Amino acid sequence: MLETEAYSQLLKQSAEKGNTEEIRSLWSEIPDYIKTMSGISAIYFAAMIDAGAGADIEQELADTLSVNWDETLLVLFGSIQSNDVAKQLETAENGLMCIRKMLCC
């Protein structure tokens, strides 16, 4: 889809600049149906983490993972320098339990 590719490229360009406000602003303009497409949210979260705003988007990423378990998003979640490591570990463990349930049933 051309629209998805355009937003992907714009996010990547914003990520290269490392300006979290620009990245957030662009993210807020992206339609929800595109945000849920595979890979788009990963670009956003990776850009924010690389720009040093991982702790700021930690809850947003956790919320996204609770709805859409994705290996790339999980790796990104684990790479965040969290302000609350215990909560981050709890979220990751809960996710692991969900994955186990999906694999077992």
Protein backbone atom coordinates (compact mmCIF):
# COMPACT_ATOMS: atom_id res chain seq x y z
CA MET A 1 0.00 0.00 0.00
CA LEU A 2 1.51 3.32 -1.09
CA GLU A 3 0.18 5.22 1.92
CA THR A 4 1.83 2.79 4.34
CA GLU A 5 5.14 3.02 2.53
CA ALA A 6 4.98 6.82 2.58
CA TYR A 7 4.43 6.91 6.33
CA SER A 8 7.19 4.34 6.85
CA GLN A 9 9.63 6.53 4.96
CA LEU A 10 8.56 9.66 6.82
CA LEU A 11 9.03 7.89 10.16
CA LYS A 12 12.47 6.69 9.11
CA GLN A 13 13.46 10.22 8.04
CA SER A 14 12.27 11.62 11.37
CA ALA A 15 14.14 8.87 13.19
CA GLU A 16 17.38 9.85 11.47
CA LYS A 17 17.01 13.36 12.90
CA GLY A 18 16.46 11.99 16.41
CA ASN A 19 13.90 14.70 17.23
CA THR A 20 11.33 13.07 19.50
CA GLU A 21 8.80 15.87 19.07
CA GLU A 22 8.93 15.50 15.30
CA ILE A 23 8.56 11.73 15.59
CA ARG A 24 5.60 12.08 17.99
CA SER A 25 3.95 14.69 15.80
CA LEU A 26 4.19 12.49 12.73
CA TRP A 27 2.92 9.47 14.69
CA SER A 28 -0.12 11.43 15.82
CA GLU A 29 -0.96 12.21 12.19
CA ILE A 30 -0.84 8.59 11.02
CA PRO A 31 -4.30 7.02 10.75
CA ASP A 32 -5.01 4.27 13.30
CA TYR A 33 -5.56 1.63 10.62
CA ILE A 34 -2.01 2.20 9.39
CA LYS A 35 -0.53 2.20 12.91
CA THR A 36 -1.79 -1.35 13.36
CA MET A 37 -0.10 -2.65 10.20
CA SER A 38 2.91 -4.86 10.67
CA GLY A 39 6.15 -2.96 11.02
CA ILE A 40 4.83 0.59 11.26
CA SER A 41 4.63 0.69 15.04
CA ALA A 42 8.05 -0.95 15.28
CA ILE A 43 9.56 1.91 13.27
CA TYR A 44 7.95 4.46 15.60
CA PHE A 45 8.96 2.72 18.84
CA ALA A 46 12.51 2.06 17.61
CA ALA A 47 12.87 5.71 16.59
CA MET A 48 11.72 6.90 20.00
CA ILE A 49 14.02 4.49 21.81
CA ASP A 50 16.98 5.48 19.64
CA ALA A 51 16.22 9.15 20.33
CA GLY A 52 16.43 8.49 24.08
CA ALA A 53 12.69 8.55 24.81
CA GLY A 54 12.25 4.87 25.58
CA ALA A 55 10.97 5.46 29.11
CA ASP A 56 8.45 7.94 27.72
CA ILE A 57 6.89 5.40 25.36
CA GLU A 58 7.26 2.34 27.58
CA GLN A 59 3.59 2.22 28.61
CA GLU A 60 2.41 2.91 25.07
CA LEU A 61 4.55 0.03 23.81
CA ALA A 62 3.30 -2.24 26.61
CA ASP A 63 -0.29 -1.35 25.65
CA THR A 64 0.45 -2.14 22.02
CA LEU A 65 1.97 -5.47 22.99
CA SER A 66 -1.09 -6.35 25.05
CA VAL A 67 -3.21 -6.05 21.91
CA ASN A 68 -0.73 -7.17 19.26
CA TRP A 69 2.02 -9.58 20.32
CA ASP A 70 4.88 -9.11 17.93
CA GLU A 71 8.40 -10.42 18.36
CA THR A 72 10.02 -7.20 17.12
CA LEU A 73 7.94 -5.11 19.51
CA LEU A 74 8.86 -7.45 22.36
CA VAL A 75 12.56 -7.04 21.59
CA LEU A 76 12.11 -3.27 21.50
CA PHE A 77 10.29 -3.37 24.84
CA GLY A 78 13.19 -5.28 26.35
CA SER A 79 15.67 -2.69 25.08
CA ILE A 80 14.04 0.23 26.91
CA GLN A 81 16.02 1.77 29.75
CA SER A 82 13.04 1.70 32.08
CA ASN A 83 12.43 3.94 35.07
CA ASP A 84 10.59 1.00 36.68
CA VAL A 85 12.51 -2.18 35.91
CA ALA A 86 10.29 -4.33 38.13
CA LYS A 87 7.18 -3.26 36.23
CA GLN A 88 8.95 -3.79 32.90
CA LEU A 89 9.92 -7.31 33.95
CA GLU A 90 6.35 -8.04 35.12
CA THR A 91 4.95 -6.88 31.77
CA ALA A 92 7.44 -9.04 29.88
CA GLU A 93 6.65 -12.08 32.06
CA ASN A 94 2.92 -11.60 31.52
CA GLY A 95 3.55 -11.50 27.80
CA LEU A 96 5.54 -14.67 27.97
CA MET A 97 2.67 -16.39 29.74
CA CYS A 98 0.31 -15.25 26.97
CA ILE A 99 2.66 -16.62 24.33
CA ARG A 100 2.91 -19.96 26.13
CA LYS A 101 -0.87 -20.20 26.30
CA MET A 102 -1.12 -19.52 22.56
CA LEU A 103 1.48 -22.18 21.77
CA CYS A 104 -0.02 -24.80 24.06
CA CYS A 105 -3.66 -24.52 23.04
